[in-house]
PDB file of N, CA and C in Angstrom:
ATOM      1  N   MET A   1      98.031  93.184  79.381  1.00  0.00           N
ATOM      2  CA  MET A   1      97.127  94.674  79.443  1.00  0.00           C
ATOM      3  C   MET A   1      98.776  95.380  79.943  1.00  0.00           C
ATOM      4  N   PRO A   2      98.609  97.041  79.695  1.00  0.00           N
ATOM      5  CA  PRO A   2      99.952  97.902  79.695  1.00  0.00           C
ATOM      6  C   PRO A   2      99.540  98.275  81.495  1.00  0.00           C
ATOM      7  N   ARG A   3     100.780  98.309  82.564  1.00  0.00           N
ATOM      8  CA  ARG A   3     100.532  98.780  83.701  1.00  0.00           C
ATOM      9  C   ARG A   3     101.229 100.209  83.538  1.00  0.00           C
ATOM     10  N   VAL A   4     100.942 101.528  84.608  1.00  0.00           N
ATOM     11  CA  VAL A   4     101.254 102.700  84.348  1.00  0.00           C
ATOM     12  C   VAL A   4     101.139 102.407  85.727  1.00  0.00           C
ATOM     13  N   VAL A   5     102.376 103.135  86.300  1.00  0.00           N
ATOM     14  CA  VAL A   5     102.820 103.067  87.579  1.00  0.00           C
ATOM     15  C   VAL A   5     102.868 104.546  88.171  1.00  0.00           C
ATOM     16  N   VAL A   6     102.197 105.032  89.119  1.00  0.00           N
ATOM     17  CA  VAL A   6     102.460 106.055  90.236  1.00  0.00           C
ATOM     18  C   VAL A   6     103.032 106.087  91.430  1.00  0.00           C
ATOM     19  N   ASP A   7     104.157 107.135  91.333  1.00  0.00           N
ATOM     20  CA  ASP A   7     104.731 106.623  92.712  1.00  0.00           C
ATOM     21  C   ASP A   7     104.338 108.355  93.208  1.00  0.00           C
ATOM     22  N   VAL A   8     103.871 108.250  94.767  1.00  0.00           N
ATOM     23  CA  VAL A   8     103.649 109.311  94.979  1.00  0.00           C
ATOM     24  C   VAL A   8     104.877 109.543  96.485  1.00  0.00           C
ATOM     25  N   MET A   9     105.147 110.582  96.642  1.00  0.00           N
ATOM     26  CA  MET A   9     106.560 111.216  97.586  1.00  0.00           C
ATOM     27  C   MET A   9     105.488 111.937  98.300  1.00  0.00           C
ATOM     28  N   PRO A  10     106.191 112.348  99.776  1.00  0.00           N
ATOM     29  CA  PRO A  10     106.603 113.780 100.130  1.00  0.00           C
ATOM     30  C   PRO A  10     106.934 114.909  99.808  1.00  0.00           C
ATOM     31  N   LYS A  11     106.680 115.732  99.463  1.00  0.00           N
ATOM     32  CA  LYS A  11     107.449 117.184  99.126  1.00  0.00           C
ATOM     33  C   LYS A  11     108.713 117.508 100.298  1.00  0.00           C
ATOM     34  N   PRO A  12     109.757 118.210  99.482  1.00  0.00           N
ATOM     35  CA  PRO A  12     111.129 117.891 100.290  1.00  0.00           C
ATOM     36  C   PRO A  12     111.232 118.236 101.255  1.00  0.00           C
ATOM     37  N   GLU A  13     110.293 119.511 101.223  1.00  0.00           N
ATOM     38  CA  GLU A  13     109.936 120.415 102.520  1.00  0.00           C
ATOM     39  C   GLU A  13     109.355 119.975 103.247  1.00  0.00           C
ATOM     40  N   ILE A  14     108.545 118.841 103.084  1.00  0.00           N
ATOM     41  CA  ILE A  14     107.243 118.586 104.285  1.00  0.00           C
ATOM     42  C   ILE A  14     108.146 117.104 104.996  1.00  0.00           C
ATOM     43  N   LEU A  15     107.838 117.190 106.365  1.00  0.00           N
ATOM     44  CA  LEU A  15     108.728 116.279 107.314  1.00  0.00           C
ATOM     45  C   LEU A  15     108.189 114.707 106.881  1.00  0.00           C
ATOM     46  N   ASP A  16     108.714 113.565 107.249  1.00  0.00           N
ATOM     47  CA  ASP A  16     108.378 112.891 106.547  1.00  0.00           C
ATOM     48  C   ASP A  16     108.651 111.252 108.344  1.00  0.00           C
ATOM     49  N   PRO A  17     107.880 111.257 109.429  1.00  0.00           N
ATOM     50  CA  PRO A  17     107.881 110.769 110.012  1.00  0.00           C
ATOM     51  C   PRO A  17     108.389 108.978 109.768  1.00  0.00           C
ATOM     52  N   GLN A  18     108.076 108.682 109.063  1.00  0.00           N
ATOM     53  CA  GLN A  18     107.846 107.473 109.069  1.00  0.00           C
ATOM     54  C   GLN A  18     109.138 107.592 107.834  1.00  0.00           C
ATOM     55  N   GLY A  19     109.610 107.871 107.615  1.00  0.00           N
ATOM     56  CA  GLY A  19     110.731 107.927 106.533  1.00  0.00           C
ATOM     57  C   GLY A  19     112.068 108.014 107.292  1.00  0.00           C
ATOM     58  N   LYS A  20     112.087 108.797 108.323  1.00  0.00           N
ATOM     59  CA  LYS A  20     112.892 109.362 109.658  1.00  0.00           C
ATOM     60  C   LYS A  20     112.937 107.558 111.019  1.00  0.00           C
ATOM     61  N   ALA A  21     111.393 106.596 111.128  1.00  0.00           N
ATOM     62  CA  ALA A  21     111.742 105.994 112.197  1.00  0.00           C
ATOM     63  C   ALA A  21     112.752 105.079 111.362  1.00  0.00           C
ATOM     64  N   VAL A  22     112.275 104.747 110.021  1.00  0.00           N
ATOM     65  CA  VAL A  22     112.882 103.829 109.460  1.00  0.00           C
ATOM     66  C   VAL A  22     114.868 103.709 109.156  1.00  0.00           C
ATOM     67  N   LEU A  23     115.024 105.547 109.384  1.00  0.00           N
ATOM     68  CA  LEU A  23     116.134 105.450 109.225  1.00  0.00           C
ATOM     69  C   LEU A  23     116.728 105.614 110.925  1.00  0.00           C
ATOM     70  N   GLY A  24     116.204 105.840 111.735  1.00  0.00           N
ATOM     71  CA  GLY A  24     116.391 105.417 112.617  1.00  0.00           C
ATOM     72  C   GLY A  24     116.670 103.882 113.396  1.00  0.00           C
ATOM     73  N   ALA A  25     116.037 103.016 112.521  1.00  0.00           N
ATOM     74  CA  ALA A  25     115.988 101.475 112.765  1.00  0.00           C
ATOM     75  C   ALA A  25     117.272 101.232 111.663  1.00  0.00           C
ATOM     76  N   LEU A  26     117.459 101.229 110.589  1.00  0.00           N
ATOM     77  CA  LEU A  26     118.672 100.752 110.167  1.00  0.00           C
ATOM     78  C   LEU A  26     119.624 100.380 110.928  1.00  0.00           C
ATOM     79  N   PRO A  27     120.498 101.656 111.637  1.00  0.00           N
ATOM     80  CA  PRO A  27     121.689 100.820 112.670  1.00  0.00           C
ATOM     81  C   PRO A  27     121.657  99.960 113.440  1.00  0.00           C
ATOM     82  N   ARG A  28     119.711 100.048 114.056  1.00  0.00           N
ATOM     83  CA  ARG A  28     120.214  98.913 115.513  1.00  0.00           C
ATOM     84  C   ARG A  28     119.871  97.490 114.957  1.00  0.00           C
ATOM     85  N   LEU A  29     119.815  97.434 113.667  1.00  0.00           N
ATOM     86  CA  LEU A  29     119.473  96.118 112.411  1.00  0.00           C
ATOM     87  C   LEU A  29     120.883  95.751 112.258  1.00  0.00           C
ATOM     88  N   GLY A  30     121.947  96.510 112.064  1.00  0.00           N
ATOM     89  CA  GLY A  30     123.479  96.136 111.477  1.00  0.00           C
ATOM     90  C   GLY A  30     123.479  96.977 109.945  1.00  0.00           C
ATOM     91  N   PHE A  31     122.608  97.828 109.941  1.00  0.00           N
ATOM     92  CA  PHE A  31     122.663  98.489 108.346  1.00  0.00           C
ATOM     93  C   PHE A  31     123.402  99.770 108.714  1.00  0.00           C
ATOM     94  N   THR A  32     124.402 100.051 107.368  1.00  0.00           N
ATOM     95  CA  THR A  32     125.059 101.106 107.385  1.00  0.00           C
ATOM     96  C   THR A  32     125.453 101.689 106.032  1.00  0.00           C
ATOM     97  N   GLY A  33     125.376 102.967 106.714  1.00  0.00           N
ATOM     98  CA  GLY A  33     125.424 103.667 104.638  1.00  0.00           C
ATOM     99  C   GLY A  33     124.309 104.766 104.620  1.00  0.00           C
ATOM    100  N   VAL A  34     123.410 104.553 104.881  1.00  0.00           N
ATOM    101  CA  VAL A  34     121.606 104.751 104.437  1.00  0.00           C
ATOM    102  C   VAL A  34     121.543 106.290 105.178  1.00  0.00           C
ATOM    103  N   SER A  35     121.996 107.460 104.138  1.00  0.00           N
ATOM    104  CA  SER A  35     122.069 108.738 105.323  1.00  0.00           C
ATOM    105  C   SER A  35     120.975 109.358 105.407  1.00  0.00           C
ATOM    106  N   ASP A  36     119.892 109.141 104.337  1.00  0.00           N
ATOM    107  CA  ASP A  36     118.208 108.935 104.323  1.00  0.00           C
ATOM    108  C   ASP A  36     117.361 108.069 103.916  1.00  0.00           C
ATOM    109  N   VAL A  37     116.357 108.285 104.662  1.00  0.00           N
ATOM    110  CA  VAL A  37     114.889 107.636 104.225  1.00  0.00           C
ATOM    111  C   VAL A  37     113.755 108.657 103.862  1.00  0.00           C
ATOM    112  N   ARG A  38     112.692 108.003 102.773  1.00  0.00           N
ATOM    113  CA  ARG A  38     111.671 109.461 102.375  1.00  0.00           C
ATOM    114  C   ARG A  38     111.034 107.977 102.071  1.00  0.00           C
ATOM    115  N   GLN A  39     109.550 108.570 102.850  1.00  0.00           N
ATOM    116  CA  GLN A  39     109.057 106.148 102.838  1.00  0.00           C
ATOM    117  C   GLN A  39     107.536 107.187 101.611  1.00  0.00           C
ATOM    118  N   GLY A  40     107.358 106.412 100.610  1.00  0.00           N
ATOM    119  CA  GLY A  40     105.911 106.754  99.528  1.00  0.00           C
ATOM    120  C   GLY A  40     105.428 106.159  99.738  1.00  0.00           C
ATOM    121  N   LYS A  41     104.573 105.887  98.591  1.00  0.00           N
ATOM    122  CA  LYS A  41     103.473 105.100  97.797  1.00  0.00           C
ATOM    123  C   LYS A  41     103.713 104.875  96.494  1.00  0.00           C
ATOM    124  N   ARG A  42     103.005 103.910  96.393  1.00  0.00           N
ATOM    125  CA  ARG A  42     103.372 103.223  94.566  1.00  0.00           C
ATOM    126  C   ARG A  42     102.288 102.714  94.408  1.00  0.00           C
ATOM    127  N   PHE A  43     101.494 103.427  92.485  1.00  0.00           N
ATOM    128  CA  PHE A  43      99.499 102.331  92.319  1.00  0.00           C
ATOM    129  C   PHE A  43     100.276 102.256  91.164  1.00  0.00           C
ATOM    130  N   GLU A  44      99.785 101.032  91.457  1.00  0.00           N
ATOM    131  CA  GLU A  44      99.672 100.113  89.901  1.00  0.00           C
ATOM    132  C   GLU A  44      98.492 100.422  89.515  1.00  0.00           C
ATOM    133  N   LEU A  45      98.443 100.486  88.009  1.00  0.00           N
ATOM    134  CA  LEU A  45      96.632 101.200  87.271  1.00  0.00           C
ATOM    135  C   LEU A  45      96.740  99.978  85.953  1.00  0.00           C
ATOM    136  N   GLU A  46      96.547  99.132  85.745  1.00  0.00           N
ATOM    137  CA  GLU A  46      96.423  97.928  84.674  1.00  0.00           C
ATOM    138  C   GLU A  46      95.950  98.737  83.465  1.00  0.00           C
ATOM    139  N   VAL A  47      95.911  99.067  82.586  1.00  0.00           N
ATOM    140  CA  VAL A  47      95.051 100.166  81.680  1.00  0.00           C
ATOM    141  C   VAL A  47      94.496  99.470  80.255  1.00  0.00           C
ATOM    142  N   GLU A  48      93.311  99.265  79.451  1.00  0.00           N
ATOM    143  CA  GLU A  48      92.916  98.308  78.779  1.00  0.00           C
ATOM    144  C   GLU A  48      93.766  99.448  77.342  1.00  0.00           C
ATOM    145  N   GLY A  49      94.041  98.483  76.729  1.00  0.00           N
ATOM    146  CA  GLY A  49      94.402  99.483  75.309  1.00  0.00           C
ATOM    147  C   GLY A  49      95.805 100.034  75.265  1.00  0.00           C
ATOM    148  N   GLU A  50      96.247 100.218  74.457  1.00  0.00           N
ATOM    149  CA  GLU A  50      97.798 101.170  74.086  1.00  0.00           C
ATOM    150  C   GLU A  50      97.970 102.609  75.505  1.00  0.00           C
ATOM    151  N   VAL A  51      98.640 102.380  75.479  1.00  0.00           N
ATOM    152  CA  VAL A  51      99.331 103.412  76.688  1.00  0.00           C
ATOM    153  C   VAL A  51      99.695 104.747  75.801  1.00  0.00           C
ATOM    154  N   THR A  52      98.718 106.154  75.915  1.00  0.00           N
ATOM    155  CA  THR A  52      99.058 107.419  74.676  1.00  0.00           C
ATOM    156  C   THR A  52      99.241 108.285  75.920  1.00  0.00           C
ATOM    157  N   ASP A  53      99.286 109.351  75.428  1.00  0.00           N
ATOM    158  CA  ASP A  53      99.844 110.806  75.484  1.00  0.00           C
ATOM    159  C   ASP A  53      98.444 111.085  76.150  1.00  0.00           C
ATOM    160  N   ASP A  54      97.243 110.577  75.723  1.00  0.00           N
ATOM    161  CA  ASP A  54      95.747 110.949  76.181  1.00  0.00           C
ATOM    162  C   ASP A  54      95.827 109.987  77.779  1.00  0.00           C
ATOM    163  N   VAL A  55      95.947 109.176  77.338  1.00  0.00           N
ATOM    164  CA  VAL A  55      95.929 107.323  78.489  1.00  0.00           C
ATOM    165  C   VAL A  55      97.106 108.114  80.211  1.00  0.00           C
ATOM    166  N   LEU A  56      98.276 108.609  79.653  1.00  0.00           N
ATOM    167  CA  LEU A  56      99.255 109.074  80.294  1.00  0.00           C
ATOM    168  C   LEU A  56      98.450 110.070  81.321  1.00  0.00           C
ATOM    169  N   ALA A  57      97.642 111.359  80.948  1.00  0.00           N
ATOM    170  CA  ALA A  57      97.143 112.452  80.638  1.00  0.00           C
ATOM    171  C   ALA A  57      95.297 112.332  82.138  1.00  0.00           C
ATOM    172  N   GLU A  58      95.244 111.578  81.617  1.00  0.00           N
ATOM    173  CA  GLU A  58      94.129 110.832  82.344  1.00  0.00           C
ATOM    174  C   GLU A  58      94.910 110.038  83.809  1.00  0.00           C
ATOM    175  N   VAL A  59      95.743 109.893  83.367  1.00  0.00           N
ATOM    176  CA  VAL A  59      96.474 109.257  85.112  1.00  0.00           C
ATOM    177  C   VAL A  59      96.678 110.440  85.599  1.00  0.00           C
ATOM    178  N   SER A  60      97.458 111.474  85.568  1.00  0.00           N
ATOM    179  CA  SER A  60      97.628 112.098  85.966  1.00  0.00           C
ATOM    180  C   SER A  60      96.679 112.832  86.805  1.00  0.00           C
ATOM    181  N   ARG A  61      95.822 113.226  85.994  1.00  0.00           N
ATOM    182  CA  ARG A  61      94.993 113.411  86.751  1.00  0.00           C
ATOM    183  C   ARG A  61      94.272 112.992  87.510  1.00  0.00           C
ATOM    184  N   VAL A  62      93.863 111.190  87.424  1.00  0.00           N
ATOM    185  CA  VAL A  62      93.301 110.716  88.721  1.00  0.00           C
ATOM    186  C   VAL A  62      94.812 111.070  89.914  1.00  0.00           C
ATOM    187  N   ALA A  63      95.709 110.839  89.774  1.00  0.00           N
ATOM    188  CA  ALA A  63      96.511 110.545  90.418  1.00  0.00           C
ATOM    189  C   ALA A  63      96.763 112.148  91.467  1.00  0.00           C
ATOM    190  N   GLU A  64      96.582 113.185  90.697  1.00  0.00           N
ATOM    191  CA  GLU A  64      96.264 114.682  91.721  1.00  0.00           C
ATOM    192  C   GLU A  64      94.914 114.897  92.182  1.00  0.00           C
ATOM    193  N   THR A  65      94.390 113.754  91.624  1.00  0.00           N
ATOM    194  CA  THR A  65      92.633 113.868  91.938  1.00  0.00           C
ATOM    195  C   THR A  65      92.472 113.233  93.590  1.00  0.00           C
ATOM    196  N   LEU A  66      93.184 112.084  93.185  1.00  0.00           N
ATOM    197  CA  LEU A  66      92.973 110.584  93.549  1.00  0.00           C
ATOM    198  C   LEU A  66      94.022 110.122  94.591  1.00  0.00           C
ATOM    199  N   LEU A  67      94.694 110.367  93.890  1.00  0.00           N
ATOM    200  CA  LEU A  67      95.799 109.041  95.071  1.00  0.00           C
ATOM    201  C   LEU A  67      96.788 110.413  95.635  1.00  0.00           C
ATOM    202  N   SER A  68      97.607 111.102  95.661  1.00  0.00           N
ATOM    203  CA  SER A  68      97.820 111.923  95.986  1.00  0.00           C
ATOM    204  C   SER A  68      97.502 113.313  96.435  1.00  0.00           C
ATOM    205  N   ASN A  69      97.861 114.080  97.498  1.00  0.00           N
ATOM    206  CA  ASN A  69      98.001 115.313  98.581  1.00  0.00           C
ATOM    207  C   ASN A  69      98.918 116.231  97.566  1.00  0.00           C
ATOM    208  N   PRO A  70      98.595 117.073  96.173  1.00  0.00           N
ATOM    209  CA  PRO A  70      99.287 118.160  96.293  1.00  0.00           C
ATOM    210  C   PRO A  70      99.836 118.898  96.834  1.00  0.00           C
ATOM    211  N   VAL A  71      99.280 119.060  98.273  1.00  0.00           N
ATOM    212  CA  VAL A  71      99.835 120.275  98.626  1.00  0.00           C
ATOM    213  C   VAL A  71     100.910 119.810  99.403  1.00  0.00           C
ATOM    214  N   ILE A  72     100.990 118.649  99.815  1.00  0.00           N
ATOM    215  CA  ILE A  72     101.813 117.563 100.838  1.00  0.00           C
ATOM    216  C   ILE A  72     102.974 116.651  99.514  1.00  0.00           C
ATOM    217  N   GLU A  73     102.429 116.406  98.388  1.00  0.00           N
ATOM    218  CA  GLU A  73     102.974 115.293  97.583  1.00  0.00           C
ATOM    219  C   GLU A  73     103.375 115.574  96.080  1.00  0.00           C
ATOM    220  N   ASN A  74     104.519 114.957  95.853  1.00  0.00           N
ATOM    221  CA  ASN A  74     104.807 115.318  93.873  1.00  0.00           C
ATOM    222  C   ASN A  74     104.293 113.479  93.700  1.00  0.00           C
ATOM    223  N   PHE A  75     104.033 113.478  92.956  1.00  0.00           N
ATOM    224  CA  PHE A  75     103.970 112.485  92.188  1.00  0.00           C
ATOM    225  C   PHE A  75     104.059 111.609  90.656  1.00  0.00           C
ATOM    226  N   THR A  76     104.893 111.076  90.045  1.00  0.00           N
ATOM    227  CA  THR A  76     105.427 110.912  88.403  1.00  0.00           C
ATOM    228  C   THR A  76     104.421 109.444  87.989  1.00  0.00           C
ATOM    229  N   VAL A  77     104.598 109.763  86.841  1.00  0.00           N
ATOM    230  CA  VAL A  77     103.667 108.955  86.496  1.00  0.00           C
ATOM    231  C   VAL A  77     104.232 107.866  85.261  1.00  0.00           C
ATOM    232  N   ARG A  78     104.228 106.687  85.135  1.00  0.00           N
ATOM    233  CA  ARG A  78     105.058 106.290  83.643  1.00  0.00           C
ATOM    234  C   ARG A  78     104.599 104.686  83.756  1.00  0.00           C
ATOM    235  N   VAL A  79     105.516 104.631  82.572  1.00  0.00           N
ATOM    236  CA  VAL A  79     105.127 103.739  82.167  1.00  0.00           C
ATOM    237  C   VAL A  79     105.712 101.987  82.537  1.00  0.00           C
ATOM    238  N   GLU A  80     105.436 100.803  83.178  1.00  0.00           N
ATOM    239  CA  GLU A  80     105.842 100.018  83.237  1.00  0.00           C
ATOM    240  C   GLU A  80     105.974  98.865  82.121  1.00  0.00           C
ATOM    241  N   GLU A  81     107.548  98.738  81.682  1.00  0.00           N
ATOM    242  CA  GLU A  81     107.631  97.373  80.994  1.00  0.00           C
ATOM    243  C   GLU A  81     107.240  96.424  81.102  1.00  0.00           C
ATOM    244  N   SER A  82     106.819  95.430  80.825  1.00  0.00           N
ATOM    245  CA  SER A  82     106.425  93.755  81.063  1.00  0.00           C
ATOM    246  C   SER A  82     108.564  93.012  81.369  1.00  0.00           C
ATOM    247  N   VAL A  83     108.498  92.429  81.889  1.00  0.00           N
ATOM    248  CA  VAL A  83     109.473  92.204  82.505  1.00  0.00           C
ATOM    249  C   VAL A  83     109.481  90.082  82.717  1.00  0.00           C
ATOM    250  N   GLU A  84     109.331  89.555  81.470  1.00  0.00           N
ATOM    251  CA  GLU A  84     109.450  87.756  81.619  1.00  0.00           C
ATOM    252  C   GLU A  84     110.360  87.368  82.193  1.00  0.00           C
ATOM    253  N   VAL A  85     110.500  86.676  83.672  1.00  0.00           N
ATOM    254  CA  VAL A  85     111.267  86.152  83.760  1.00  0.00           C
ATOM    255  C   VAL A  85     110.662  84.412  84.072  1.00  0.00           C
ATOM    256  N   ARG A  86     111.621  84.006  83.915  1.00  0.00           N
ATOM    257  CA  ARG A  86     111.131  82.469  83.625  1.00  0.00           C
ATOM    258  C   ARG A  86     112.493  81.952  85.019  1.00  0.00           C
ATOM    259  N   ALA A  87     111.618  80.587  85.590  1.00  0.00           N
ATOM    260  CA  ALA A  87     112.311  80.081  86.782  1.00  0.00           C
ATOM    261  C   ALA A  87     112.867  79.445  86.477  1.00  0.00           C
TER     262      ALA A  87
END
């Protein structure tokens, strides 16, 4: 089944305390070179049939209505290509 991914992130002007907490922990754990962290959410929706413009529009409505808070968050919708991994 095709998979549509919705990534939800806080708008740039919104404070992100979880991202700041991760940013503060990185040097204590020995990681350097990271100047900022923003934490968001990822939703994977498996859809029936072909992913058309109408399907993407419907997923956008789902994202705007249920998966995000449009006042403080932005979201993107994309089709995830399946990648076969062989061990």
